[in-house]
Protein backbone atom coordinates (compact mmCIF):
# COMPACT_ATOMS: atom_id res chain seq x y z
CA UNK A 1 8.55 -40.44 -53.05
CA UNK A 2 7.83 -39.47 -49.37
CA UNK A 3 5.23 -36.78 -48.70
CA UNK A 4 4.78 -34.61 -45.71
CA UNK A 5 1.76 -35.50 -43.64
CA UNK A 6 -1.31 -33.36 -44.48
CA UNK A 7 -1.36 -31.72 -41.03
CA UNK A 8 2.30 -30.86 -41.28
CA UNK A 9 1.79 -29.21 -44.70
CA UNK A 10 -1.08 -27.10 -43.39
CA UNK A 11 0.96 -25.88 -40.46
CA UNK A 12 3.90 -25.00 -42.73
CA UNK A 13 1.72 -22.99 -45.09
CA UNK A 14 0.13 -21.18 -42.12
CA UNK A 15 3.58 -20.34 -40.74
CA UNK A 16 4.71 -18.90 -44.05
CA UNK A 17 1.57 -16.81 -44.34
CA UNK A 18 2.12 -15.42 -40.84
CA UNK A 19 5.70 -14.45 -41.68
CA UNK A 20 4.54 -12.66 -44.80
CA UNK A 21 1.76 -10.86 -42.92
CA UNK A 22 4.02 -9.68 -40.14
CA UNK A 23 6.70 -8.47 -42.57
CA UNK A 24 4.01 -6.44 -44.43
CA UNK A 25 2.85 -4.80 -41.23
CA UNK A 26 6.34 -3.48 -40.43
CA UNK A 27 7.80 -2.90 -36.94
CA UNK A 28 5.35 -2.98 -34.00
CA UNK A 29 6.04 0.06 -31.78
CA UNK A 30 4.85 -0.28 -28.19
CA UNK A 31 2.75 2.54 -26.80
CA UNK A 32 3.50 4.41 -23.61
CA UNK A 33 0.79 2.32 -21.94
CA UNK A 34 2.46 -0.82 -23.13
CA UNK A 35 5.79 0.28 -21.68
CA UNK A 36 4.16 1.06 -18.31
CA UNK A 37 2.42 -2.34 -18.26
CA UNK A 38 5.75 -4.04 -18.88
CA UNK A 39 7.17 -1.96 -16.02
CA UNK A 40 4.42 -2.98 -13.62
CA UNK A 41 4.96 -6.62 -14.51
CA UNK A 42 8.63 -6.28 -13.49
CA UNK A 43 7.66 -4.31 -10.40
CA UNK A 44 5.23 -7.01 -9.24
CA UNK A 45 8.02 -9.59 -9.56
CA UNK A 46 10.35 -7.49 -7.46
CA UNK A 47 12.67 -6.72 -10.44
CA UNK A 48 12.86 -3.02 -9.75
CA UNK A 49 15.86 -2.12 -11.91
CA UNK A 50 14.07 -3.62 -14.98
CA UNK A 51 10.83 -1.93 -13.95
CA UNK A 52 12.58 1.41 -13.75
CA UNK A 53 13.91 1.02 -17.30
CA UNK A 54 10.47 0.47 -18.81
CA UNK A 55 8.87 3.35 -16.79
CA UNK A 56 11.58 5.83 -17.77
CA UNK A 57 11.25 4.75 -21.41
CA UNK A 58 7.52 5.42 -21.16
CA UNK A 59 8.26 8.93 -19.86
CA UNK A 60 10.61 9.58 -22.78
CA UNK A 61 7.89 8.51 -25.16
CA UNK A 62 5.19 10.62 -23.52
CA UNK A 63 6.18 13.08 -20.83
CA UNK A 64 2.53 13.50 -19.86
CA UNK A 65 1.82 9.82 -19.16
CA UNK A 66 0.86 9.78 -15.47
CA UNK A 67 1.20 6.01 -15.01
CA UNK A 68 4.90 6.12 -15.99
CA UNK A 69 5.58 8.76 -13.35
CA UNK A 70 3.60 6.76 -10.86
CA UNK A 71 5.71 3.71 -11.66
CA UNK A 72 9.01 5.55 -11.40
CA UNK A 73 7.94 7.11 -8.06
CA UNK A 74 7.07 3.80 -6.49
CA UNK A 75 10.00 1.96 -7.99
CA UNK A 76 12.44 4.56 -6.71
CA UNK A 77 10.92 4.02 -3.27
CA UNK A 78 11.57 0.35 -3.50
CA UNK A 79 15.16 1.06 -4.55
CA UNK A 80 15.58 3.13 -1.35
CA UNK A 81 15.91 6.36 -3.37
CA UNK A 82 13.19 8.38 -1.61
CA UNK A 83 14.55 11.73 -2.86
CA UNK A 84 14.15 10.58 -6.50
CA UNK A 85 10.73 9.19 -5.66
CA UNK A 86 9.68 12.66 -4.38
CA UNK A 87 11.13 14.31 -7.51
CA UNK A 88 9.07 12.23 -9.98
CA UNK A 89 5.83 12.37 -8.04
CA UNK A 90 6.08 16.14 -7.54
CA UNK A 91 7.31 16.78 -11.11
CA UNK A 92 4.12 15.27 -12.57
CA UNK A 93 1.84 16.90 -9.99
CA UNK A 94 3.41 20.34 -10.67
CA UNK A 95 2.52 19.96 -14.39
CA UNK A 96 -0.92 18.36 -13.82
CA UNK A 97 -2.29 19.78 -10.61
CA UNK A 98 -5.85 18.80 -11.31
CA UNK A 99 -7.56 15.59 -10.32
CA UNK A 100 -6.82 12.45 -12.37
CA UNK A 101 -7.08 8.69 -12.12
CA UNK A 102 -4.91 7.25 -9.37
CA UNK A 103 -3.97 10.63 -7.91
CA UNK A 104 -4.17 8.98 -4.45
CA UNK A 105 -1.18 6.78 -5.52
CA UNK A 106 0.88 9.92 -5.90
CA UNK A 107 -0.17 11.38 -2.56
CA UNK A 108 0.39 8.08 -0.76
CA UNK A 109 3.77 7.62 -2.47
CA UNK A 110 4.84 11.14 -1.41
CA UNK A 111 3.77 10.44 2.20
CA UNK A 112 5.88 7.29 2.24
CA UNK A 113 8.82 8.99 0.49
CA UNK A 114 8.93 11.95 2.85
CA UNK A 115 8.56 9.62 5.80
CA UNK A 116 11.60 7.74 4.52
CA UNK A 117 13.51 10.99 4.21
CA UNK A 118 12.61 11.94 7.81
CA UNK A 119 10.62 15.02 6.61
CA UNK A 120 7.69 14.49 8.91
CA UNK A 121 6.10 17.82 8.17
CA UNK A 122 5.64 16.99 4.46
CA UNK A 123 4.84 13.39 5.14
CA UNK A 124 1.94 14.60 7.35
CA UNK A 125 0.74 17.11 4.81
CA UNK A 126 0.59 14.57 1.98
CA UNK A 127 -1.02 11.93 4.21
CA UNK A 128 -3.57 14.09 5.99
CA UNK A 129 -4.35 17.01 3.68
CA UNK A 130 -3.81 15.51 0.26
CA UNK A 131 -4.47 11.79 0.66
CA UNK A 132 -7.23 11.60 3.26
CA UNK A 133 -8.44 15.01 2.21
CA UNK A 134 -9.18 13.69 -1.34
CA UNK A 135 -10.77 10.33 -0.66
CA UNK A 136 -14.22 10.08 -2.22
CA UNK A 137 -16.24 9.28 0.83
CA UNK A 138 -19.46 10.21 -0.96
CA UNK A 139 -19.40 6.85 -2.78
CA UNK A 140 -19.28 5.09 0.53
CA UNK A 141 -16.02 3.32 -0.18
CA UNK A 142 -13.01 5.43 0.83
CA UNK A 143 -10.71 2.47 1.24
CA UNK A 144 -7.92 2.96 -1.31
CA UNK A 145 -5.28 0.41 -2.15
CA UNK A 146 -2.12 0.37 -4.25
CA UNK A 147 -2.99 -2.84 -6.02
CA UNK A 148 0.36 -3.86 -7.49
CA UNK A 149 1.00 -6.96 -5.45
CA UNK A 150 4.44 -8.49 -5.12
CA UNK A 151 4.75 -11.88 -6.96
CA UNK A 152 0.99 -11.86 -7.55
CA UNK A 153 0.06 -12.30 -3.88
CA UNK A 154 -3.07 -10.21 -3.37
CA UNK A 155 -2.75 -9.88 0.41
CA UNK A 156 0.45 -7.83 -0.03
CA UNK A 157 -1.29 -4.78 -1.35
CA UNK A 158 -0.55 -1.48 0.31
CA UNK A 159 -3.72 0.24 1.52
CA UNK A 160 -5.07 3.22 3.39
CA UNK A 161 -4.24 1.82 6.80
CA UNK A 162 -0.54 1.95 5.86
CA UNK A 163 -0.96 5.66 5.02
CA UNK A 164 -2.71 6.16 8.33
CA UNK A 165 0.23 4.64 10.11
CA UNK A 166 2.67 6.99 8.29
CA UNK A 167 0.47 9.86 9.36
CA UNK A 168 0.50 8.75 13.04
CA UNK A 169 4.27 8.23 13.04
CA UNK A 170 4.85 11.69 11.51
CA UNK A 171 2.51 13.29 14.12
CA UNK A 172 4.24 11.54 16.93
CA UNK A 173 7.72 12.63 15.76
CA UNK A 174 6.44 16.21 15.40
CA UNK A 175 5.20 16.11 19.10
CA UNK A 176 1.53 16.21 18.03
CA UNK A 177 0.65 13.37 20.42
CA UNK A 178 -3.03 13.98 20.62
CA UNK A 179 -3.26 13.90 16.74
CA UNK A 180 -1.15 10.80 16.63
CA UNK A 181 -3.49 9.14 19.12
CA UNK A 182 -6.51 10.01 16.93
CA UNK A 183 -4.71 8.53 13.88
CA UNK A 184 -3.84 5.34 15.90
CA UNK A 185 -7.50 5.01 17.01
CA UNK A 186 -8.74 5.42 13.44
CA UNK A 187 -6.19 2.82 12.15
CA UNK A 188 -7.35 0.24 14.74
CA UNK A 189 -10.99 0.92 13.91
CA UNK A 190 -10.43 0.55 10.20
CA UNK A 191 -8.36 -2.55 10.74
CA UNK A 192 -11.22 -4.07 12.65
CA UNK A 193 -14.16 -2.82 10.54
CA UNK A 194 -12.85 -3.72 7.11
CA UNK A 195 -11.52 -7.18 7.65
CA UNK A 196 -12.36 -9.88 5.16
CA UNK A 197 -15.25 -12.10 6.27
CA UNK A 198 -14.29 -15.11 8.25
CA UNK A 199 -11.02 -13.77 9.68
CA UNK A 200 -10.39 -13.89 13.42
CA UNK A 201 -10.65 -10.18 14.20
CA UNK A 202 -9.61 -10.53 17.85
CA UNK A 203 -6.38 -12.27 16.79
CA UNK A 204 -5.55 -9.76 14.03
CA UNK A 205 -6.15 -6.63 16.10
CA UNK A 206 -5.54 -7.97 19.68
CA UNK A 207 -8.69 -6.67 21.28
CA UNK A 208 -11.39 -8.02 23.61
CA UNK A 209 -14.77 -7.52 22.04
CA UNK A 210 -16.62 -6.55 25.29
CA UNK A 211 -20.03 -5.87 23.72
CA UNK A 212 -19.67 -8.76 21.18
CA UNK A 213 -20.41 -6.42 18.27
CA UNK A 214 -17.81 -8.09 15.99
CA UNK A 215 -15.93 -4.85 15.51
CA UNK A 216 -13.65 -2.72 17.66
CA UNK A 217 -15.73 0.09 19.18
CA UNK A 218 -16.04 2.24 22.31
CA UNK A 219 -15.65 0.25 25.54
CA UNK A 220 -13.67 -2.65 24.04
CA UNK A 221 -10.33 -3.51 25.40
CA UNK A 222 -7.24 -3.10 23.25
CA UNK A 223 -3.81 -4.79 23.82
CA UNK A 224 -1.31 -2.21 24.92
CA UNK A 225 1.93 -4.17 24.34
CA UNK A 226 2.46 -5.23 27.91
CA UNK A 227 1.98 -8.63 29.58
CA UNK A 228 2.75 -10.46 32.78
CA UNK A 229 6.07 -12.21 32.07
CA UNK A 230 5.60 -15.11 34.51
CA UNK A 231 8.64 -17.13 33.30
CA UNK A 232 10.96 -14.10 32.94
CA UNK A 233 12.08 -14.92 29.40
CA UNK A 234 11.14 -11.41 28.13
CA UNK A 235 8.86 -13.00 25.49
CA UNK A 236 5.12 -13.18 25.27
CA UNK A 237 4.10 -16.81 25.51
CA UNK A 238 0.66 -18.26 24.99
CA UNK A 239 0.21 -19.12 28.65
CA UNK A 240 0.95 -15.50 29.78
CA UNK A 241 -1.62 -12.80 30.34
CA UNK A 242 -1.80 -9.68 28.19
CA UNK A 243 -2.70 -6.22 29.52
CA UNK A 244 -5.45 -4.19 27.80
CA UNK A 245 -6.56 -0.58 27.77
CA UNK A 246 -10.00 0.81 27.00
CA UNK A 247 -10.65 1.82 23.41
CA UNK A 248 -10.55 4.58 22.14
CA UNK A 249 -7.13 5.16 23.61
CA UNK A 250 -6.84 8.23 25.81
CA UNK A 251 -3.39 8.64 27.33
CA UNK A 252 -1.88 11.49 29.33
CA UNK A 253 0.88 12.91 27.09
CA UNK A 254 2.31 15.20 29.72
CA UNK A 255 3.79 12.02 31.16
CA UNK A 256 6.65 9.84 29.87
CA UNK A 257 4.45 6.75 30.43
CA UNK A 258 1.64 8.22 28.27
CA UNK A 259 3.98 8.95 25.36
CA UNK A 260 5.61 5.51 25.74
CA UNK A 261 2.22 3.79 25.65
CA UNK A 262 1.34 5.52 22.34
CA UNK A 263 4.74 4.67 20.92
CA UNK A 264 4.06 1.04 21.78
CA UNK A 265 0.87 1.13 19.72
CA UNK A 266 2.78 2.56 16.73
CA UNK A 267 5.15 -0.41 17.01
CA UNK A 268 2.19 -2.84 17.30
CA UNK A 269 0.50 -1.33 14.18
CA UNK A 270 3.72 -1.37 12.24
CA UNK A 271 4.04 -5.11 13.05
CA UNK A 272 0.46 -5.73 12.07
CA UNK A 273 0.76 -3.89 8.76
CA UNK A 274 4.05 -5.47 7.80
CA UNK A 275 3.51 -6.52 4.11
CA UNK A 276 5.53 -9.67 4.74
CA UNK A 277 2.89 -10.80 7.22
CA UNK A 278 -0.13 -9.85 5.04
CA UNK A 279 -1.93 -9.15 8.30
CA UNK A 280 -4.08 -6.09 7.65
CA UNK A 281 -6.81 -8.20 6.07
CA UNK A 282 -8.32 -5.69 3.64
CA UNK A 283 -9.59 -7.26 0.44
CA UNK A 284 -8.46 -5.26 -2.60
CA UNK A 285 -10.76 -6.49 -5.32
CA UNK A 286 -11.45 -3.48 -7.53
CA UNK A 287 -8.84 -2.65 -10.17
CA UNK A 288 -9.06 -0.16 -13.04
CA UNK A 289 -6.41 -2.01 -15.03
CA UNK A 290 -3.58 0.19 -13.92
CA UNK A 291 -3.25 -0.95 -10.34
CA UNK A 292 -5.46 1.65 -8.68
CA UNK A 293 -8.61 0.72 -6.78
CA UNK A 294 -10.21 0.49 -3.41
CA UNK A 295 -10.21 -2.03 -0.60
CA UNK A 296 -13.59 -3.26 0.48
């Protein structure tokens, strides 16, 4: 008579015990936090329809669960449904107006959503008054990030410089050119000051470090988007010479040229902050387990 090997017998008995144990426990019901976690997993893989299903299920389970509303808001933004994004962010804030974990995610999300809708007045309010007005500068680390990276690539986090760009664009569209210039100068300074160690700052921010301080500061020269097109191909080649302006920028906005120069910097920053390029260089290393954190 053939016998099962001893190891096989042990495994079989263990398997039967586990089946009995699980059947005695009954059905395992995921919590609202579990549902949100599943949603963020799909979000980070770019599977936004699936993410939305899990987030909305979490809301049905617990209508006060902030992380589910946060997930729906950001997912709707990715699905190009900015109006729905606004609805879910504001719905939660209207019911829970006090401070809570990751509230900056909501303010940033609303700034992006209103920007997408072309509502520059509200985009500016949520960026300037709510987002930057509520950063905790007292702890010495105001650099927020939305730490749900796409496909697990850490460099693709959204951070506070992206919010600063939305603010600058909104101010420019509203004709608040001086405010827009201040925001652009702040974005460049943060981009320079908070880069990860070892990165080539002059390449990332296109400036000449006149005083060799290692950061962009007063008196340095900042690329203004123009160059001497020696070969006439309308493209910036390595052999061609860029033109630089003195930082901080200080243009005359009563002139078309001054407004055009500022617009050029908005375009430069937008290119620098493109998540596909992972160029802004901020290191997002703090995570509270739900995606929120700060860039250092």
